Protein backbone atom coordinates (compact mmCIF):
# COMPACT_ATOMS: atom_id res chain seq x y z
CA MET A 1 55.34 -69.89 -98.82
CA GLY A 2 56.86 -72.14 -96.30
CA THR A 3 55.14 -74.93 -94.23
CA ARG A 4 53.88 -74.06 -90.81
CA ARG A 5 54.42 -76.34 -87.96
CA GLU A 6 51.56 -75.06 -85.74
CA PRO A 7 48.95 -72.98 -87.58
CA THR A 8 47.08 -70.53 -85.47
CA ALA A 9 43.25 -70.75 -84.99
CA ARG A 10 42.84 -67.84 -87.51
CA GLN A 11 44.93 -69.58 -90.08
CA LEU A 12 43.08 -72.78 -89.56
CA ARG A 13 39.71 -70.99 -89.83
CA LEU A 14 40.81 -69.69 -93.36
CA ALA A 15 41.82 -73.23 -94.32
CA VAL A 16 38.37 -74.57 -93.16
CA GLU A 17 36.45 -71.98 -95.11
CA LEU A 18 38.39 -72.71 -98.27
CA ARG A 19 37.62 -76.37 -97.86
CA ARG A 20 33.94 -75.57 -97.21
CA LEU A 21 33.73 -73.46 -100.45
CA ARG A 22 35.37 -76.20 -102.56
CA ASP A 23 33.06 -78.91 -101.01
CA ALA A 24 30.03 -76.65 -101.81
CA ALA A 25 31.27 -76.37 -105.42
CA GLY A 26 31.39 -80.26 -105.68
CA LEU A 27 35.10 -80.16 -106.77
CA SER A 28 37.94 -82.47 -105.72
CA SER A 29 41.40 -81.12 -104.50
CA ARG A 30 42.90 -82.42 -107.75
CA GLU A 31 40.46 -80.28 -109.79
CA ALA A 32 41.15 -77.23 -107.67
CA ALA A 33 44.92 -77.90 -107.96
CA ALA A 34 44.65 -78.17 -111.71
CA MET A 35 43.00 -74.71 -111.92
CA LEU A 36 45.90 -73.10 -109.92
CA GLY A 37 48.54 -75.12 -111.81
CA VAL A 38 49.80 -76.89 -108.58
CA ASN A 39 49.56 -80.42 -107.33
CA SER A 40 46.72 -81.67 -105.04
CA VAL A 41 49.24 -81.95 -102.14
CA GLN A 42 49.47 -78.15 -102.16
CA ILE A 43 45.74 -77.71 -101.99
CA SER A 44 45.74 -80.30 -99.16
CA GLN A 45 48.31 -78.23 -97.21
CA ILE A 46 46.38 -74.93 -97.83
CA GLU A 47 43.12 -76.58 -96.49
CA ALA A 48 45.07 -77.87 -93.51
CA GLY A 49 46.45 -74.47 -92.71
CA THR A 50 50.01 -75.66 -92.89
CA THR A 51 50.74 -73.64 -96.06
CA GLY A 52 49.38 -69.95 -96.69
CA VAL A 53 47.76 -68.82 -99.80
CA SER A 54 48.13 -65.47 -101.56
CA GLY A 55 45.14 -62.98 -102.01
CA GLU A 56 45.31 -63.36 -105.68
CA ARG A 57 45.16 -67.26 -105.58
CA LEU A 58 42.47 -67.16 -103.03
CA ARG A 59 40.24 -65.05 -105.30
CA ARG A 60 40.97 -67.28 -108.25
CA LEU A 61 39.81 -70.31 -106.16
CA ALA A 62 36.74 -68.45 -104.92
CA ALA A 63 35.79 -67.68 -108.49
CA HIS A 64 36.38 -71.23 -109.56
CA TYR A 65 34.16 -72.35 -106.72
CA ALA A 66 31.48 -69.92 -108.03
CA CYS A 67 31.41 -68.07 -104.76
CA THR A 68 29.45 -64.87 -105.55
CA ASP A 69 29.62 -63.42 -101.98
CA GLU A 70 32.01 -60.59 -102.46
CA THR A 71 32.03 -59.54 -98.87
CA LEU A 72 33.04 -63.04 -97.76
CA VAL A 73 35.77 -63.26 -100.32
CA ASP A 74 37.17 -59.83 -99.39
CA ALA A 75 37.26 -60.99 -95.72
CA LEU A 76 39.04 -64.23 -96.62
CA ALA A 77 41.47 -62.39 -98.75
CA MET A 78 42.20 -60.06 -95.74
CA MET A 79 42.67 -63.22 -93.56
CA ALA A 80 45.12 -64.70 -96.08
CA THR A 81 47.21 -61.61 -96.53
CA ASP A 82 47.26 -60.20 -93.08
CA ARG A 83 50.84 -61.01 -91.61
CA THR A 84 50.17 -59.48 -88.18
CA ARG A 85 52.47 -60.59 -85.48
CA GLY A 86 50.72 -59.12 -82.49
CA TRP A 87 51.76 -58.74 -78.91
CA TRP A 88 50.52 -62.12 -78.15
CA GLU A 89 53.46 -63.69 -80.02
CA GLU A 90 55.72 -62.77 -77.02
CA TYR A 91 53.86 -65.56 -75.16
CA ARG A 92 54.48 -68.29 -77.68
CA GLY A 93 55.99 -71.34 -75.99
CA ARG A 94 55.38 -69.79 -72.59
CA LEU A 95 51.54 -70.05 -72.38
CA PRO A 96 49.07 -72.60 -73.81
CA THR A 97 48.44 -72.00 -77.59
CA ALA A 98 44.70 -71.33 -76.91
CA PHE A 99 45.64 -68.20 -74.96
CA LEU A 100 47.32 -66.78 -78.06
CA ASP A 101 44.68 -67.89 -80.39
CA LEU A 102 42.03 -66.06 -78.25
CA SER A 103 44.14 -62.84 -78.29
CA GLU A 104 44.50 -62.96 -82.10
CA LEU A 105 40.75 -63.65 -82.48
CA GLU A 106 39.90 -60.70 -80.16
CA HIS A 107 42.42 -58.37 -82.18
CA HIS A 108 40.55 -58.91 -85.39
CA ALA A 109 37.03 -59.00 -83.90
CA ALA A 110 34.39 -56.40 -85.06
CA TYR A 111 32.54 -56.85 -81.82
CA ARG A 112 32.54 -59.02 -78.66
CA TRP A 113 29.78 -60.71 -76.64
CA ASP A 114 30.28 -62.58 -73.42
CA VAL A 115 28.09 -64.67 -71.23
CA ASP A 116 29.30 -65.77 -67.89
CA PHE A 117 27.56 -67.32 -64.94
CA LEU A 118 30.27 -67.99 -62.29
CA HIS A 119 33.04 -65.52 -63.04
CA ILE A 120 33.58 -62.01 -64.11
CA PRO A 121 34.43 -62.13 -67.87
CA GLY A 122 38.23 -61.95 -68.45
CA LEU A 123 38.17 -58.57 -70.27
CA LEU A 124 36.61 -56.97 -67.22
CA GLN A 125 38.87 -58.63 -64.55
CA THR A 126 41.34 -56.79 -62.28
CA GLU A 127 44.81 -58.21 -61.75
CA ASP A 128 43.95 -59.51 -58.20
CA TYR A 129 40.79 -61.18 -59.37
CA ALA A 130 42.50 -62.93 -62.25
CA ARG A 131 45.35 -63.89 -60.13
CA ALA A 132 43.08 -65.53 -57.55
CA LEU A 133 41.33 -67.43 -60.30
CA PHE A 134 44.49 -68.76 -61.96
CA ALA A 135 45.97 -69.73 -58.51
CA CYS A 136 42.99 -72.00 -57.71
CA ARG A 137 43.05 -73.98 -61.03
CA VAL A 138 43.42 -77.73 -60.78
CA PRO A 139 46.18 -78.64 -61.46
CA GLN A 140 47.62 -75.48 -60.15
CA PRO A 141 50.04 -73.66 -62.48
CA PRO A 142 53.46 -72.88 -60.92
CA PRO A 143 53.60 -69.37 -59.53
CA ASN A 144 55.63 -67.88 -62.56
CA GLU A 145 53.02 -69.18 -64.99
CA VAL A 146 50.18 -67.71 -62.85
CA GLU A 147 51.89 -64.28 -63.23
CA LEU A 148 52.35 -64.78 -66.94
CA ARG A 149 48.60 -65.65 -67.32
CA VAL A 150 47.67 -62.58 -65.43
CA GLU A 151 49.90 -60.38 -67.47
CA HIS A 152 48.52 -61.85 -70.67
CA ARG A 153 44.97 -61.36 -69.45
CA MET A 154 45.49 -57.74 -68.62
CA ARG A 155 47.07 -57.06 -71.98
CA ARG A 156 44.07 -58.57 -73.65
CA ARG A 157 42.04 -55.67 -72.35
CA VAL A 158 43.69 -53.44 -75.02
CA ILE A 159 40.64 -54.08 -77.37
CA ILE A 160 38.27 -52.28 -74.98
CA GLU A 161 40.87 -49.60 -73.88
CA ARG A 162 42.39 -48.48 -77.17
CA PRO A 163 41.30 -45.26 -78.98
CA SER A 164 38.89 -47.16 -81.18
CA PRO A 165 37.67 -49.94 -78.87
CA VAL A 166 35.64 -52.97 -79.87
CA PRO A 167 31.89 -52.67 -78.97
CA TYR A 168 31.55 -55.12 -76.03
CA ASP A 169 28.35 -56.60 -74.78
CA VAL A 170 28.40 -58.54 -71.52
CA LEU A 171 25.73 -60.71 -69.97
CA VAL A 172 26.90 -61.77 -66.42
CA HIS A 173 24.89 -63.66 -63.82
CA GLU A 174 24.24 -62.26 -60.47
CA ALA A 175 26.11 -65.27 -58.89
CA ALA A 176 29.25 -64.19 -60.54
CA LEU A 177 28.98 -60.85 -58.98
CA ARG A 178 28.35 -62.19 -55.54
CA ILE A 179 31.06 -64.97 -55.52
CA ARG A 180 34.08 -63.71 -53.69
CA VAL A 181 37.30 -64.19 -55.41
CA GLY A 182 40.63 -63.22 -53.83
CA GLY A 183 38.97 -61.93 -50.54
CA ARG A 184 36.59 -59.05 -49.71
CA ALA A 185 38.84 -56.22 -50.86
CA ALA A 186 39.66 -57.80 -54.16
CA SER A 187 35.96 -58.59 -54.90
CA ARG A 188 34.95 -55.09 -53.94
CA ALA A 189 37.63 -53.63 -56.36
CA GLN A 190 36.38 -55.99 -59.10
CA LEU A 191 32.81 -54.86 -58.77
CA ALA A 192 34.01 -51.29 -58.93
CA ARG A 193 35.92 -52.13 -62.07
CA VAL A 194 32.81 -53.60 -63.72
CA LEU A 195 30.80 -50.55 -62.73
CA GLU A 196 33.36 -48.22 -64.12
CA LEU A 197 33.58 -49.95 -67.37
CA SER A 198 29.77 -50.31 -67.57
CA GLU A 199 29.47 -46.56 -67.75
CA THR A 200 31.59 -46.17 -71.09
CA ASP A 201 29.97 -45.86 -74.46
CA HIS A 202 31.34 -49.14 -75.91
CA VAL A 203 30.82 -51.49 -72.92
CA THR A 204 27.27 -52.64 -71.96
CA VAL A 205 26.81 -54.87 -69.00
CA ARG A 206 23.50 -56.63 -68.25
CA VAL A 207 22.98 -58.65 -65.14
CA ILE A 208 21.09 -62.00 -65.24
CA PRO A 209 19.25 -61.84 -61.79
CA PHE A 210 18.69 -64.65 -59.41
CA SER A 211 14.96 -63.81 -59.43
CA LEU A 212 14.64 -64.96 -63.15
CA ASP A 213 12.33 -68.00 -63.57
CA ASP A 214 12.71 -70.81 -66.05
CA PHE A 215 16.31 -70.15 -66.95
CA ALA A 216 17.98 -73.57 -66.67
CA ASP A 217 17.87 -74.27 -70.38
CA VAL A 218 19.94 -71.27 -71.49
CA THR A 219 23.00 -71.47 -69.07
CA ALA A 220 25.65 -71.53 -71.67
CA ASP A 221 28.83 -69.57 -71.05
CA MET A 222 30.44 -68.23 -74.18
CA VAL A 223 32.89 -65.81 -75.79
CA TYR A 224 31.40 -64.63 -79.10
CA ALA A 225 33.77 -62.84 -81.52
CA GLY A 226 31.94 -61.15 -84.43
CA ALA A 227 33.71 -60.94 -87.77
CA ALA A 228 33.30 -58.77 -90.88
CA VAL A 229 30.67 -61.22 -92.13
CA PRO A 230 28.49 -63.51 -89.82
CA ARG A 231 29.83 -66.69 -91.53
CA LEU A 232 33.23 -65.98 -90.14
CA ASP A 233 32.12 -65.37 -86.49
CA THR A 234 33.59 -67.60 -83.69
CA VAL A 235 32.42 -68.90 -80.37
CA VAL A 236 34.97 -69.86 -77.71
CA ARG A 237 33.99 -72.06 -74.89
CA ASP A 238 36.08 -73.31 -71.97
CA GLY A 239 36.11 -76.88 -71.05
CA PRO A 240 37.81 -79.28 -68.69
CA HIS A 241 40.40 -80.02 -71.37
CA GLY A 242 40.97 -76.54 -72.82
CA SER A 243 39.20 -74.04 -75.07
CA LEU A 244 36.96 -75.13 -77.83
CA PHE A 245 36.70 -72.85 -80.95
CA ILE A 246 33.24 -73.29 -82.65
CA ASP A 247 32.75 -71.99 -86.19
CA SER A 248 30.03 -74.06 -87.96
CA GLU A 249 27.22 -72.05 -89.31
CA ALA A 250 24.61 -74.22 -87.56
CA GLN A 251 26.29 -73.85 -84.16
CA LEU A 252 26.89 -70.25 -84.58
CA GLY A 253 23.24 -69.79 -85.16
CA VAL A 254 22.43 -71.70 -81.94
CA PHE A 255 24.76 -69.39 -79.94
CA ARG A 256 23.36 -66.25 -81.47
CA THR A 257 19.87 -67.32 -80.57
CA LEU A 258 21.10 -68.28 -76.96
CA PHE A 259 22.82 -64.89 -76.50
CA ARG A 260 19.66 -62.95 -77.73
CA ARG A 261 17.41 -65.08 -75.43
CA VAL A 262 19.60 -64.31 -72.40
CA LYS A 263 19.92 -60.77 -73.33
CA SER A 264 16.17 -60.30 -73.63
CA VAL A 265 15.51 -61.57 -70.03
CA SER A 266 18.51 -59.81 -68.35
CA LEU A 267 18.24 -56.53 -66.48
CA ALA A 268 18.45 -53.38 -68.51
CA PRO A 269 21.97 -51.56 -68.21
CA ASP A 270 20.74 -48.94 -65.75
CA ARG A 271 19.13 -51.45 -63.54
CA SER A 272 22.27 -53.68 -63.80
CA ARG A 273 24.47 -50.75 -62.66
CA ASP A 274 22.15 -50.15 -59.70
CA LEU A 275 22.54 -53.81 -58.65
CA ILE A 276 26.36 -53.83 -59.05
CA HIS A 277 26.50 -50.61 -57.01
CA SER A 278 24.41 -52.13 -54.30
CA LEU A 279 26.54 -55.16 -54.08
CA THR A 280 29.68 -53.10 -53.96
CA LYS A 281 28.37 -51.11 -51.03
CA ASP A 282 27.50 -54.40 -49.23
CA LEU A 283 31.14 -55.84 -49.31
C-alpha cells in the first residue's frame, strides 16, 4: 500500500487503536514487525495512519496482541478494508479537512447525539440559517466559501434523510431556539424545520429549558458519533482554532455521562415540541 500524505480522522483512529492494542500487550514495534515479517518502520507508518493495513494482517496483529474482543477486531478490520470515497471527497482542497472528517465520521456512525446551547445543531439547520451563521464567522470566509460550506452542511443531512437513517438524539437549549439567526423569517423557518424533524421516528429533540436550576456544570456542546463498539465512539467539539476529535476511553466516558445527565433534566419530546411550536408562533 502507498503512503498517505494526509490521513483522514477515521484512518488515524484505526492507527491509534492498533497502537493502543500493541501498548496494552507490552510489545515493541520491532517485535510486532518481526511477527508480520516487515521492518519496524512499516509498523510505525501503520500506527501513524500514513500506511494502510490489510484485514488479514490486522487480525494477525490483534491475535499477536492477545486481543480477545472479537467485536472490536471485526470493527477494526472493517475500518481497515473500507475504501469508501464518499461524496465529501468532492470538497477536498476546497474546505477545511475537519469538514470532510466529520462527514466521514457521520457516514459510518451507528447513531448520533448532539448537545447545543447557542445554535441549532448542523444536521437540523436550514440553508438560510446555516448561511447566516457562516457569514458572521470571524474571520469571515469569502462569499464563495460560505456557499460551499452551506452546500456541504446541507449534504450532511443525508444520514437522517436516507431510507435507513441514523438514530439521532438532540438536546438543544431554549436559548438556541430563541436566538434569531438570519432575521425573523429565517428563524421562523428554522424552528418549523426542527419541529418537522422532531416528529419523525428516528429524530428525537429534547429542549433544555431556561427554568432549569443548577445547570452551569454541564454546559458542554458536543457531537457524539456512536460506533459498532463503544470503544470506537468519537466526540467532536468545536473550538476557536478548529474541531477537536476526542477518542480516549476516559474522555468518552465523561461525555456519555454528561449527555445522560443533560438528557435526564431536559423536557420530554412532547413538551419540547409544544415549546418549539409556541416559539414559532411568537416569531
